[in-house]
Amino acid sequence: MTSASLDAALSAAERRFIDANPRSRLRHERARAVLPGGHSRQTLYYAPFPLTVAHGEGTRITDLDGHEYLNLVGDFAAGVFGHRSEPIHQAVQQAMRSGISLSGPNTHEVELAELISQRIPSIQQVRFCNSGSEACLFAAQLARHAMKLPKLLVFNGAYHGGFMVFREGDAPLTVPIPVIKATYNDVPGTRALIRAHAAELAAVMVEPMMGSSGCIPGAPEFLAMLREETKAAGSQATGIGGVLNTHWCVGAISQPSQVQAAASPKRRLYHLCMLERGFYIAQRGMVNLSLPTTEADVAGFTRATREFLIEHLDALRLP
C-alpha cells in the first residue's frame, strides 16, 4: 500500500460525495449557524458533512438529495424496529389521543414495567429514563448512594452516555465522579485493581461488548472474573452490549488501543464508498441490524463490501 494511492482514492471519493449531495451540504452550512458543529449529536457527524435524512420507511432512508440507502446505522442499536413499525405507530397515536404531559402517573408505565419484570426475572423494579445517558448516570449514582462508597471502576475506551466517556485522559464533559480506570479484557490487571480498591469501590461499569470503541467483545473469562470479584467485594456490575464493527487490521482485537481512530483514511474511504453504493453505515464502521433487515439486505451489503475491497485493493493493502 502507498499513502499516495490511499490519499488519492479518499480525495476522489470525497469529491464525488460533495458533488452528489448539494442540498445536504447547504443544510449543514445553515445548521452550523444555530447548532454547535451543525448537529445535536456528535456521533452523527462525519466529514466533509453529514447527509440530512428526509424520510425513512422500513430499513430504508432517503436523503435531501433523493438518494435511498439501506440504513445499517440503526440509530446505533436504538432503532431496532426500523423507521415505521405499524404496531408502534398505532400505539403512539392512541397515546396521543389520551393526551401528553399529563403531570402524573399514567395508565401505561405500570403495564410496561410488569412486562419487563416478567420477561427478565432479575429485573425486580424498573426506573424509566429519557435516554441511555440518563439511565447510566442514575445507575452510577444509585450504586454510590446504596453502597455508601465513592468510586467506580471503568474501562478506558468505554462509553456509558454523553456524560460518561472514559479514556486515557479525562473527557472534558464527563461528570466528575471519582473513577479507577482499567484495561478492557485484562483479567489479572483488573482483578488486582478491584481487590486493591474494594474498600472504596461502589460499582464496576462494563459493556459486555464495548460498543463505541469498535464493538469489542468481552472475553468470557474476563466477564466471569468481574462477576466473581464484584460479588466478593460487595460492589455492583452494570452494562449493556452492542453489535458489529469493521476493522482495517490483522489479528484479533481485544482492547480499544488496537483499534484505528474513526477518522483514519481507510475507515473514511470505506464509509464514503458504501454510501455511494447505497449502504448507510457509521463512519467508524459500526453496523446495527434492525428487525426489518432481510437476508437479501445482508447479502447485498456483503457483496458491496467485497466489491469495495476489490476496487481499492492497492490502496488498502497492508504493508
C-alpha atoms as a PDB file:
ATOM      1  CA  MET A   1       0.000   0.000   0.000  1.00  0.00           C
ATOM      2  CA  THR A   2       1.222   3.505  -0.777  1.00  0.00           C
ATOM      3  CA  SER A   3      -0.001   6.512   1.139  1.00  0.00           C
ATOM      4  CA  ALA A   4      -0.395   8.377  -2.141  1.00  0.00           C
ATOM      5  CA  SER A   5      -2.823   5.815  -3.609  1.00  0.00           C
ATOM      6  CA  LEU A   6      -4.958   5.801  -0.447  1.00  0.00           C
ATOM      7  CA  ASP A   7      -4.994   9.609  -0.287  1.00  0.00           C
ATOM      8  CA  ALA A   8      -5.939   9.822  -3.976  1.00  0.00           C
ATOM      9  CA  ALA A   9      -8.789   7.314  -3.563  1.00  0.00           C
ATOM     10  CA  LEU A  10     -10.126   9.150  -0.498  1.00  0.00           C
ATOM     11  CA  SER A  11      -9.880  12.556  -2.193  1.00  0.00           C
ATOM     12  CA  ALA A  12     -11.787  11.270  -5.231  1.00  0.00           C
ATOM     13  CA  ALA A  13     -14.483   9.716  -3.018  1.00  0.00           C
ATOM     14  CA  GLU A  14     -14.911  12.986  -1.109  1.00  0.00           C
ATOM     15  CA  ARG A  15     -15.285  14.969  -4.340  1.00  0.00           C
ATOM     16  CA  ARG A  16     -17.960  12.565  -5.596  1.00  0.00           C
ATOM     17  CA  PHE A  17     -19.765  12.786  -2.263  1.00  0.00           C
ATOM     18  CA  ILE A  18     -19.773  16.608  -2.282  1.00  0.00           C
ATOM     19  CA  ASP A  19     -20.946  16.780  -5.907  1.00  0.00           C
ATOM     20  CA  ALA A  20     -23.750  14.256  -5.290  1.00  0.00           C
ATOM     21  CA  ASN A  21     -25.154  15.934  -2.168  1.00  0.00           C
ATOM     22  CA  PRO A  22     -25.512  19.715  -2.654  1.00  0.00           C
ATOM     23  CA  ARG A  23     -28.700  20.015  -0.582  1.00  0.00           C
ATOM     24  CA  SER A  24     -27.221  18.209   2.406  1.00  0.00           C
ATOM     25  CA  ARG A  25     -24.164  20.448   2.153  1.00  0.00           C
ATOM     26  CA  LEU A  26     -26.268  23.621   2.176  1.00  0.00           C
ATOM     27  CA  ARG A  27     -28.342  22.260   5.056  1.00  0.00           C
ATOM     28  CA  HIS A  28     -25.199  21.575   7.095  1.00  0.00           C
ATOM     29  CA  GLU A  29     -23.864  25.072   6.442  1.00  0.00           C
ATOM     30  CA  ARG A  30     -27.192  26.526   7.599  1.00  0.00           C
ATOM     31  CA  ALA A  31     -27.221  24.288  10.680  1.00  0.00           C
ATOM     32  CA  ARG A  32     -23.785  25.454  11.793  1.00  0.00           C
ATOM     33  CA  ALA A  33     -25.184  28.921  12.428  1.00  0.00           C
ATOM     34  CA  VAL A  34     -27.574  27.716  15.148  1.00  0.00           C
ATOM     35  CA  LEU A  35     -26.291  24.285  16.253  1.00  0.00           C
ATOM     36  CA  PRO A  36     -22.757  23.788  17.642  1.00  0.00           C
ATOM     37  CA  GLY A  37     -20.876  21.965  14.896  1.00  0.00           C
ATOM     38  CA  GLY A  38     -24.051  21.859  12.818  1.00  0.00           C
ATOM     39  CA  HIS A  39     -25.670  18.983  14.721  1.00  0.00           C
ATOM     40  CA  SER A  40     -27.129  17.992  18.097  1.00  0.00           C
ATOM     41  CA  ARG A  41     -25.472  14.561  18.380  1.00  0.00           C
ATOM     42  CA  GLN A  42     -21.734  14.133  17.902  1.00  0.00           C
ATOM     43  CA  THR A  43     -21.941  10.562  16.593  1.00  0.00           C
ATOM     44  CA  LEU A  44     -23.972  11.734  13.581  1.00  0.00           C
ATOM     45  CA  TYR A  45     -21.220  13.984  12.220  1.00  0.00           C
ATOM     46  CA  TYR A  46     -18.675  12.854   9.636  1.00  0.00           C
ATOM     47  CA  ALA A  47     -16.503  14.725   7.159  1.00  0.00           C
ATOM     48  CA  PRO A  48     -16.947  16.523   4.850  1.00  0.00           C
ATOM     49  CA  PHE A  49     -20.545  16.910   6.135  1.00  0.00           C
ATOM     50  CA  PRO A  50     -23.319  14.537   7.227  1.00  0.00           C
ATOM     51  CA  LEU A  51     -26.210  13.640   4.968  1.00  0.00           C
ATOM     52  CA  THR A  52     -29.542  15.140   6.009  1.00  0.00           C
ATOM     53  CA  VAL A  53     -32.172  12.400   6.149  1.00  0.00           C
ATOM     54  CA  ALA A  54     -35.610  13.452   4.909  1.00  0.00           C
ATOM     55  CA  HIS A  55     -37.618  10.241   5.170  1.00  0.00           C
ATOM     56  CA  GLY A  56     -37.495   6.668   6.453  1.00  0.00           C
ATOM     57  CA  GLU A  57     -39.564   3.563   5.752  1.00  0.00           C
ATOM     58  CA  GLY A  58     -38.769   0.057   6.952  1.00  0.00           C
ATOM     59  CA  THR A  59     -34.996  -0.292   6.692  1.00  0.00           C
ATOM     60  CA  ARG A  60     -34.596   2.418   4.035  1.00  0.00           C
ATOM     61  CA  ILE A  61     -33.870   6.127   4.409  1.00  0.00           C
ATOM     62  CA  THR A  62     -33.866   8.889   1.789  1.00  0.00           C
ATOM     63  CA  ASP A  63     -31.700  11.991   1.999  1.00  0.00           C
ATOM     64  CA  LEU A  64     -32.476  15.550   0.911  1.00  0.00           C
ATOM     65  CA  ASP A  65     -30.922  14.938  -2.491  1.00  0.00           C
ATOM     66  CA  GLY A  66     -33.188  11.951  -3.150  1.00  0.00           C
ATOM     67  CA  HIS A  67     -30.681   9.132  -2.606  1.00  0.00           C
ATOM     68  CA  GLU A  68     -32.019   5.996  -0.936  1.00  0.00           C
ATOM     69  CA  TYR A  69     -29.935   3.894   1.460  1.00  0.00           C
ATOM     70  CA  LEU A  70     -30.241   0.689   3.412  1.00  0.00           C
ATOM     71  CA  ASN A  71     -29.840   2.031   6.947  1.00  0.00           C
ATOM     72  CA  LEU A  72     -27.247  -0.084   8.726  1.00  0.00           C
ATOM     73  CA  VAL A  73     -26.561   2.534  11.398  1.00  0.00           C
ATOM     74  CA  GLY A  74     -29.808   1.530  13.096  1.00  0.00           C
ATOM     75  CA  ASP A  75     -29.610   4.625  15.319  1.00  0.00           C
ATOM     76  CA  PHE A  76     -26.585   2.969  16.947  1.00  0.00           C
ATOM     77  CA  ALA A  77     -28.641  -0.058  18.094  1.00  0.00           C
ATOM     78  CA  ALA A  78     -31.592   2.048  19.329  1.00  0.00           C
ATOM     79  CA  GLY A  79     -33.587   1.757  16.070  1.00  0.00           C
ATOM     80  CA  VAL A  80     -34.469  -1.912  16.481  1.00  0.00           C
ATOM     81  CA  PHE A  81     -37.891  -1.668  14.822  1.00  0.00           C
ATOM     82  CA  GLY A  82     -36.853   0.245  11.710  1.00  0.00           C
ATOM     83  CA  HIS A  83     -38.389   3.524  10.608  1.00  0.00           C
ATOM     84  CA  ARG A  84     -42.104   2.729  10.596  1.00  0.00           C
ATOM     85  CA  SER A  85     -43.467  -0.092  12.697  1.00  0.00           C
ATOM     86  CA  GLU A  86     -47.244  -0.250  12.404  1.00  0.00           C
ATOM     87  CA  PRO A  87     -47.868  -1.507  15.986  1.00  0.00           C
ATOM     88  CA  ILE A  88     -45.708   1.306  17.354  1.00  0.00           C
ATOM     89  CA  HIS A  89     -47.386   3.835  15.067  1.00  0.00           C
ATOM     90  CA  GLN A  90     -50.810   2.781  16.343  1.00  0.00           C
ATOM     91  CA  ALA A  91     -49.675   2.802  19.987  1.00  0.00           C
ATOM     92  CA  VAL A  92     -48.272   6.319  19.639  1.00  0.00           C
ATOM     93  CA  GLN A  93     -51.494   7.556  18.055  1.00  0.00           C
ATOM     94  CA  GLN A  94     -53.527   6.006  20.874  1.00  0.00           C
ATOM     95  CA  ALA A  95     -51.272   7.606  23.487  1.00  0.00           C
ATOM     96  CA  MET A  96     -51.548  10.992  21.775  1.00  0.00           C
ATOM     97  CA  ARG A  97     -55.336  10.759  21.842  1.00  0.00           C
ATOM     98  CA  SER A  98     -55.133  10.277  25.613  1.00  0.00           C
ATOM     99  CA  GLY A  99     -53.126  13.492  25.943  1.00  0.00           C
ATOM    100  CA  ILE A 100     -49.450  14.265  26.577  1.00  0.00           C
ATOM    101  CA  SER A 101     -47.533  15.728  29.527  1.00  0.00           C
ATOM    102  CA  LEU A 102     -50.247  14.641  31.953  1.00  0.00           C
ATOM    103  CA  SER A 103     -48.285  15.694  35.057  1.00  0.00           C
ATOM    104  CA  GLY A 104     -48.938  12.464  36.937  1.00  0.00           C
ATOM    105  CA  PRO A 105     -48.640   8.660  36.795  1.00  0.00           C
ATOM    106  CA  ASN A 106     -50.221   7.393  33.573  1.00  0.00           C
ATOM    107  CA  THR A 107     -52.070   4.249  32.534  1.00  0.00           C
ATOM    108  CA  HIS A 108     -49.208   2.645  30.605  1.00  0.00           C
ATOM    109  CA  GLU A 109     -45.998   2.667  32.676  1.00  0.00           C
ATOM    110  CA  VAL A 110     -47.074   0.007  35.206  1.00  0.00           C
ATOM    111  CA  GLU A 111     -48.026  -2.429  32.429  1.00  0.00           C
ATOM    112  CA  LEU A 112     -44.707  -1.915  30.651  1.00  0.00           C
ATOM    113  CA  ALA A 113     -42.721  -2.335  33.862  1.00  0.00           C
ATOM    114  CA  GLU A 114     -44.625  -5.543  34.635  1.00  0.00           C
ATOM    115  CA  LEU A 115     -43.865  -6.939  31.178  1.00  0.00           C
ATOM    116  CA  ILE A 116     -40.148  -6.214  31.557  1.00  0.00           C
ATOM    117  CA  SER A 117     -40.023  -7.756  35.027  1.00  0.00           C
ATOM    118  CA  GLN A 118     -41.928 -10.852  33.883  1.00  0.00           C
ATOM    119  CA  ARG A 119     -39.617 -11.443  30.926  1.00  0.00           C
ATOM    120  CA  ILE A 120     -36.404 -10.752  32.851  1.00  0.00           C
ATOM    121  CA  PRO A 121     -36.947 -12.003  36.425  1.00  0.00           C
ATOM    122  CA  SER A 122     -33.686 -10.481  37.697  1.00  0.00           C
ATOM    123  CA  ILE A 123     -35.186  -7.035  36.992  1.00  0.00           C
ATOM    124  CA  GLN A 124     -37.450  -6.692  40.016  1.00  0.00           C
ATOM    125  CA  GLN A 125     -38.164  -2.986  39.605  1.00  0.00           C
ATOM    126  CA  VAL A 126     -37.830  -0.548  36.721  1.00  0.00           C
ATOM    127  CA  ARG A 127     -36.944   3.156  36.585  1.00  0.00           C
ATOM    128  CA  PHE A 128     -37.822   4.674  33.198  1.00  0.00           C
ATOM    129  CA  CYS A 129     -35.431   7.298  31.838  1.00  0.00           C
ATOM    130  CA  ASN A 130     -35.385   9.646  28.866  1.00  0.00           C
ATOM    131  CA  SER A 131     -32.067   8.429  27.451  1.00  0.00           C
ATOM    132  CA  GLY A 132     -29.312   5.886  27.897  1.00  0.00           C
ATOM    133  CA  SER A 133     -27.082   8.657  29.231  1.00  0.00           C
ATOM    134  CA  GLU A 134     -29.589   9.447  31.963  1.00  0.00           C
ATOM    135  CA  ALA A 135     -30.043   5.755  32.810  1.00  0.00           C
ATOM    136  CA  CYS A 136     -26.306   5.135  33.181  1.00  0.00           C
ATOM    137  CA  LEU A 137     -25.863   8.212  35.350  1.00  0.00           C
ATOM    138  CA  PHE A 138     -28.766   7.105  37.560  1.00  0.00           C
ATOM    139  CA  ALA A 139     -27.235   3.629  37.877  1.00  0.00           C
ATOM    140  CA  ALA A 140     -23.836   5.027  38.830  1.00  0.00           C
ATOM    141  CA  GLN A 141     -25.187   7.427  41.418  1.00  0.00           C
ATOM    142  CA  LEU A 142     -27.584   4.838  42.832  1.00  0.00           C
ATOM    143  CA  ALA A 143     -24.704   2.388  43.323  1.00  0.00           C
ATOM    144  CA  ARG A 144     -22.613   5.036  45.082  1.00  0.00           C
ATOM    145  CA  HIS A 145     -25.524   6.017  47.320  1.00  0.00           C
ATOM    146  CA  ALA A 146     -26.637   2.453  48.146  1.00  0.00           C
ATOM    147  CA  MET A 147     -23.111   1.189  48.810  1.00  0.00           C
ATOM    148  CA  LYS A 148     -22.060   4.420  50.560  1.00  0.00           C
ATOM    149  CA  LEU A 149     -18.771   4.196  48.670  1.00  0.00           C
ATOM    150  CA  PRO A 150     -17.349   6.907  46.381  1.00  0.00           C
ATOM    151  CA  LYS A 151     -15.626   5.270  43.415  1.00  0.00           C
ATOM    152  CA  LEU A 152     -16.473   3.461  40.182  1.00  0.00           C
ATOM    153  CA  LEU A 153     -14.192   1.159  38.238  1.00  0.00           C
ATOM    154  CA  VAL A 154     -14.478   1.873  34.500  1.00  0.00           C
ATOM    155  CA  PHE A 155     -12.560   0.890  31.377  1.00  0.00           C
ATOM    156  CA  ASN A 156     -10.535   3.066  29.038  1.00  0.00           C
ATOM    157  CA  GLY A 157     -12.445   3.413  25.785  1.00  0.00           C
ATOM    158  CA  ALA A 158     -15.857   2.868  27.402  1.00  0.00           C
ATOM    159  CA  TYR A 159     -18.959   4.903  26.612  1.00  0.00           C
ATOM    160  CA  HIS A 160     -21.844   4.979  29.081  1.00  0.00           C
ATOM    161  CA  GLY A 161     -23.622   8.045  27.691  1.00  0.00           C
ATOM    162  CA  GLY A 162     -22.772  11.595  26.730  1.00  0.00           C
ATOM    163  CA  PHE A 163     -21.592  12.456  30.249  1.00  0.00           C
ATOM    164  CA  MET A 164     -19.671   9.246  30.938  1.00  0.00           C
ATOM    165  CA  VAL A 165     -16.920   8.887  28.332  1.00  0.00           C
ATOM    166  CA  PHE A 166     -13.771   7.262  29.675  1.00  0.00           C
ATOM    167  CA  ARG A 167     -10.325   7.190  28.076  1.00  0.00           C
ATOM    168  CA  GLU A 168      -6.662   7.645  28.989  1.00  0.00           C
ATOM    169  CA  GLY A 169      -7.141  11.365  29.577  1.00  0.00           C
ATOM    170  CA  ASP A 170     -10.189  12.977  31.149  1.00  0.00           C
ATOM    171  CA  ALA A 171     -13.002  13.776  28.697  1.00  0.00           C
ATOM    172  CA  PRO A 172     -13.958  17.430  29.333  1.00  0.00           C
ATOM    173  CA  LEU A 173     -17.727  16.885  29.725  1.00  0.00           C
ATOM    174  CA  THR A 174     -17.633  13.684  31.780  1.00  0.00           C
ATOM    175  CA  VAL A 175     -19.300  14.014  35.182  1.00  0.00           C
ATOM    176  CA  PRO A 176     -16.745  14.488  37.989  1.00  0.00           C
ATOM    177  CA  ILE A 177     -17.242  11.117  39.689  1.00  0.00           C
ATOM    178  CA  PRO A 178     -14.063   9.580  41.156  1.00  0.00           C
ATOM    179  CA  VAL A 179     -13.106   6.613  38.973  1.00  0.00           C
ATOM    180  CA  ILE A 180     -10.466   3.922  38.716  1.00  0.00           C
ATOM    181  CA  LYS A 181      -9.588   3.177  35.084  1.00  0.00           C
ATOM    182  CA  ALA A 182      -8.759  -0.363  33.990  1.00  0.00           C
ATOM    183  CA  THR A 183      -7.886  -2.047  30.682  1.00  0.00           C
ATOM    184  CA  TYR A 184     -10.697  -3.954  28.992  1.00  0.00           C
ATOM    185  CA  ASN A 185     -10.213  -7.737  28.809  1.00  0.00           C
ATOM    186  CA  ASP A 186      -7.196  -7.545  31.137  1.00  0.00           C
ATOM    187  CA  VAL A 187      -8.105 -10.260  33.655  1.00  0.00           C
ATOM    188  CA  PRO A 188      -5.155 -10.110  36.082  1.00  0.00           C
ATOM    189  CA  GLY A 189      -4.789  -6.324  35.958  1.00  0.00           C
ATOM    190  CA  THR A 190      -8.490  -5.643  36.556  1.00  0.00           C
ATOM    191  CA  ARG A 191      -8.714  -8.261  39.311  1.00  0.00           C
ATOM    192  CA  ALA A 192      -5.802  -6.604  41.093  1.00  0.00           C
ATOM    193  CA  LEU A 193      -7.470  -3.170  40.874  1.00  0.00           C
ATOM    194  CA  ILE A 194     -10.792  -4.444  42.220  1.00  0.00           C
ATOM    195  CA  ARG A 195      -9.093  -6.112  45.175  1.00  0.00           C
ATOM    196  CA  ALA A 196      -6.849  -3.120  45.877  1.00  0.00           C
ATOM    197  CA  HIS A 197      -9.791  -0.666  45.909  1.00  0.00           C
ATOM    198  CA  ALA A 198     -12.547  -2.893  47.340  1.00  0.00           C
ATOM    199  CA  ALA A 199     -12.981  -0.713  50.417  1.00  0.00           C
ATOM    200  CA  GLU A 200     -13.959   2.332  48.300  1.00  0.00           C
ATOM    201  CA  LEU A 201     -15.450   0.729  45.171  1.00  0.00           C
ATOM    202  CA  ALA A 202     -19.222   1.110  44.696  1.00  0.00           C
ATOM    203  CA  ALA A 203     -19.562  -0.465  41.249  1.00  0.00           C
ATOM    204  CA  VAL A 204     -17.848  -1.723  38.119  1.00  0.00           C
ATOM    205  CA  MET A 205     -19.351  -0.300  34.919  1.00  0.00           C
ATOM    206  CA  VAL A 206     -18.770  -2.606  31.967  1.00  0.00           C
ATOM    207  CA  GLU A 207     -20.142  -3.244  28.480  1.00  0.00           C
ATOM    208  CA  PRO A 208     -20.252  -6.979  27.640  1.00  0.00           C
ATOM    209  CA  MET A 209     -19.432  -5.695  24.163  1.00  0.00           C
ATOM    210  CA  MET A 210     -17.588  -2.371  24.125  1.00  0.00           C
ATOM    211  CA  GLY A 211     -19.659  -0.522  21.522  1.00  0.00           C
ATOM    212  CA  SER A 212     -18.225   2.886  20.646  1.00  0.00           C
ATOM    213  CA  SER A 213     -14.630   1.639  20.717  1.00  0.00           C
ATOM    214  CA  GLY A 214     -15.285  -0.803  17.896  1.00  0.00           C
ATOM    215  CA  CYS A 215     -17.698  -3.489  19.142  1.00  0.00           C
ATOM    216  CA  ILE A 216     -15.003  -5.333  21.081  1.00  0.00           C
ATOM    217  CA  PRO A 217     -16.490  -8.375  22.851  1.00  0.00           C
ATOM    218  CA  GLY A 218     -15.617  -9.074  26.449  1.00  0.00           C
ATOM    219  CA  ALA A 219     -13.827 -12.402  26.804  1.00  0.00           C
ATOM    220  CA  PRO A 220     -15.959 -14.922  28.758  1.00  0.00           C
ATOM    221  CA  GLU A 221     -13.214 -15.359  31.348  1.00  0.00           C
ATOM    222  CA  PHE A 222     -12.966 -11.574  31.760  1.00  0.00           C
ATOM    223  CA  LEU A 223     -16.698 -11.100  32.354  1.00  0.00           C
ATOM    224  CA  ALA A 224     -16.838 -14.115  34.686  1.00  0.00           C
ATOM    225  CA  MET A 225     -13.961 -12.671  36.710  1.00  0.00           C
ATOM    226  CA  LEU A 226     -15.801  -9.358  37.076  1.00  0.00           C
ATOM    227  CA  ARG A 227     -18.896 -11.107  38.411  1.00  0.00           C
ATOM    228  CA  GLU A 228     -16.846 -13.170  40.871  1.00  0.00           C
ATOM    229  CA  GLU A 229     -14.743 -10.267  42.120  1.00  0.00           C
ATOM    230  CA  THR A 230     -17.602  -7.768  42.461  1.00  0.00           C
ATOM    231  CA  LYS A 231     -19.657 -10.335  44.323  1.00  0.00           C
ATOM    232  CA  ALA A 232     -16.762 -10.982  46.703  1.00  0.00           C
ATOM    233  CA  ALA A 233     -16.120  -7.255  47.150  1.00  0.00           C
ATOM    234  CA  GLY A 234     -19.797  -6.442  47.665  1.00  0.00           C
ATOM    235  CA  SER A 235     -19.863  -3.974  44.747  1.00  0.00           C
ATOM    236  CA  GLN A 236     -22.143  -3.989  41.710  1.00  0.00           C
ATOM    237  CA  ALA A 237     -21.637  -4.599  37.985  1.00  0.00           C
ATOM    238  CA  THR A 238     -23.659  -2.896  35.240  1.00  0.00           C
ATOM    239  CA  GLY A 239     -23.502  -2.942  31.432  1.00  0.00           C
ATOM    240  CA  ILE A 240     -25.123  -3.349  28.038  1.00  0.00           C
ATOM    241  CA  GLY A 241     -23.940  -4.801  24.723  1.00  0.00           C
ATOM    242  CA  GLY A 242     -23.691  -3.737  21.070  1.00  0.00           C
ATOM    243  CA  VAL A 243     -23.319  -5.281  17.576  1.00  0.00           C
ATOM    244  CA  LEU A 244     -20.532  -5.351  14.940  1.00  0.00           C
ATOM    245  CA  ASN A 245     -17.750  -3.197  13.503  1.00  0.00           C
ATOM    246  CA  THR A 246     -15.326  -3.379  10.580  1.00  0.00           C
ATOM    247  CA  HIS A 247     -11.608  -3.012  11.314  1.00  0.00           C
ATOM    248  CA  TRP A 248      -8.676  -2.479   8.982  1.00  0.00           C
ATOM    249  CA  CYS A 249      -6.029  -4.545  10.706  1.00  0.00           C
ATOM    250  CA  VAL A 250      -4.785  -8.111  11.098  1.00  0.00           C
ATOM    251  CA  GLY A 251      -5.449 -10.279  14.153  1.00  0.00           C
ATOM    252  CA  ALA A 252      -7.977 -10.395  16.958  1.00  0.00           C
ATOM    253  CA  ILE A 253      -8.935  -7.172  18.747  1.00  0.00           C
ATOM    254  CA  SER A 254      -9.476  -7.269  22.493  1.00  0.00           C
ATOM    255  CA  GLN A 255      -8.723  -3.691  23.598  1.00  0.00           C
ATOM    256  CA  PRO A 256      -9.585  -0.187  22.310  1.00  0.00           C
ATOM    257  CA  SER A 257      -5.890   0.661  21.890  1.00  0.00           C
ATOM    258  CA  GLN A 258      -5.745  -1.845  19.000  1.00  0.00           C
ATOM    259  CA  VAL A 259      -8.460  -0.039  17.020  1.00  0.00           C
ATOM    260  CA  GLN A 260      -7.742   2.656  14.450  1.00  0.00           C
ATOM    261  CA  ALA A 261      -9.226   6.089  15.013  1.00  0.00           C
ATOM    262  CA  ALA A 262     -12.664   6.579  13.436  1.00  0.00           C
ATOM    263  CA  ALA A 263     -11.309   9.286  11.127  1.00  0.00           C
ATOM    264  CA  SER A 264      -8.491   7.152   9.705  1.00  0.00           C
ATOM    265  CA  PRO A 265      -8.228   7.277   5.880  1.00  0.00           C
ATOM    266  CA  LYS A 266      -9.247   3.626   5.362  1.00  0.00           C
ATOM    267  CA  ARG A 267     -12.355   3.988   7.509  1.00  0.00           C
ATOM    268  CA  ARG A 268     -13.324   7.229   5.774  1.00  0.00           C
ATOM    269  CA  LEU A 269     -12.820   5.709   2.314  1.00  0.00           C
ATOM    270  CA  TYR A 270     -14.926   2.649   3.197  1.00  0.00           C
ATOM    271  CA  HIS A 271     -17.668   4.842   4.676  1.00  0.00           C
ATOM    272  CA  LEU A 272     -17.926   7.154   1.652  1.00  0.00           C
ATOM    273  CA  CYS A 273     -17.802   4.299  -0.845  1.00  0.00           C
ATOM    274  CA  MET A 274     -20.509   2.334   0.970  1.00  0.00           C
ATOM    275  CA  LEU A 275     -22.721   5.449   0.990  1.00  0.00           C
ATOM    276  CA  GLU A 276     -22.112   5.691  -2.751  1.00  0.00           C
ATOM    277  CA  ARG A 277     -23.331   2.115  -3.091  1.00  0.00           C
ATOM    278  CA  GLY A 278     -26.490   2.825  -1.094  1.00  0.00           C
ATOM    279  CA  PHE A 279     -25.469   1.492   2.326  1.00  0.00           C
ATOM    280  CA  TYR A 280     -25.697   3.904   5.257  1.00  0.00           C
ATOM    281  CA  ILE A 281     -23.150   2.921   7.925  1.00  0.00           C
ATOM    282  CA  ALA A 282     -21.364   4.773  10.707  1.00  0.00           C
ATOM    283  CA  GLN A 283     -18.023   6.314   9.743  1.00  0.00           C
ATOM    284  CA  ARG A 284     -16.295   4.281  12.440  1.00  0.00           C
ATOM    285  CA  GLY A 285     -17.525   1.139  10.653  1.00  0.00           C
ATOM    286  CA  MET A 286     -20.281   0.248  13.099  1.00  0.00           C
ATOM    287  CA  VAL A 287     -23.266  -1.713  11.757  1.00  0.00           C
ATOM    288  CA  ASN A 288     -26.541  -2.358  13.606  1.00  0.00           C
ATOM    289  CA  LEU A 289     -29.214  -4.580  12.093  1.00  0.00           C
ATOM    290  CA  SER A 290     -32.860  -3.711  12.776  1.00  0.00           C
ATOM    291  CA  LEU A 291     -35.679  -6.263  12.813  1.00  0.00           C
ATOM    292  CA  PRO A 292     -36.938  -5.413   9.277  1.00  0.00           C
ATOM    293  CA  THR A 293     -33.471  -6.157   7.796  1.00  0.00           C
ATOM    294  CA  THR A 294     -33.672  -9.157   5.451  1.00  0.00           C
ATOM    295  CA  GLU A 295     -31.164 -11.805   4.410  1.00  0.00           C
ATOM    296  CA  ALA A 296     -31.156 -10.178   0.980  1.00  0.00           C
ATOM    297  CA  ASP A 297     -30.169  -6.858   2.602  1.00  0.00           C
ATOM    298  CA  VAL A 298     -27.253  -8.506   4.405  1.00  0.00           C
ATOM    299  CA  ALA A 299     -26.192 -10.316   1.220  1.00  0.00           C
ATOM    300  CA  GLY A 300     -26.234  -7.026  -0.685  1.00  0.00           C
ATOM    301  CA  PHE A 301     -24.116  -5.334   1.972  1.00  0.00           C
ATOM    302  CA  THR A 302     -21.636  -8.223   1.927  1.00  0.00           C
ATOM    303  CA  ARG A 303     -21.446  -8.078  -1.861  1.00  0.00           C
ATOM    304  CA  ALA A 304     -20.891  -4.307  -1.839  1.00  0.00           C
ATOM    305  CA  THR A 305     -18.091  -4.680   0.724  1.00  0.00           C
ATOM    306  CA  ARG A 306     -16.429  -7.335  -1.441  1.00  0.00           C
ATOM    307  CA  GLU A 307     -16.647  -5.037  -4.484  1.00  0.00           C
ATOM    308  CA  PHE A 308     -15.122  -2.198  -2.463  1.00  0.00           C
ATOM    309  CA  LEU A 309     -12.201  -4.390  -1.401  1.00  0.00           C
ATOM    310  CA  ILE A 310     -11.537  -5.486  -4.969  1.00  0.00           C
ATOM    311  CA  GLU A 311     -11.753  -1.938  -6.350  1.00  0.00           C
ATOM    312  CA  HIS A 312      -9.415  -0.455  -3.734  1.00  0.00           C
ATOM    313  CA  LEU A 313      -7.112  -3.417  -3.135  1.00  0.00           C
ATOM    314  CA  ASP A 314      -3.912  -1.484  -3.802  1.00  0.00           C
ATOM    315  CA  ALA A 315      -4.892   1.441  -1.553  1.00  0.00           C
ATOM    316  CA  LEU A 316      -5.961  -0.864   1.292  1.00  0.00           C
ATOM    317  CA  ARG A 317      -3.099  -3.350   1.099  1.00  0.00           C
ATOM    318  CA  LEU A 318      -1.319  -3.782   4.425  1.00  0.00           C
ATOM    319  CA  PRO A 319       2.439  -3.060   4.477  1.00  0.00           C
END
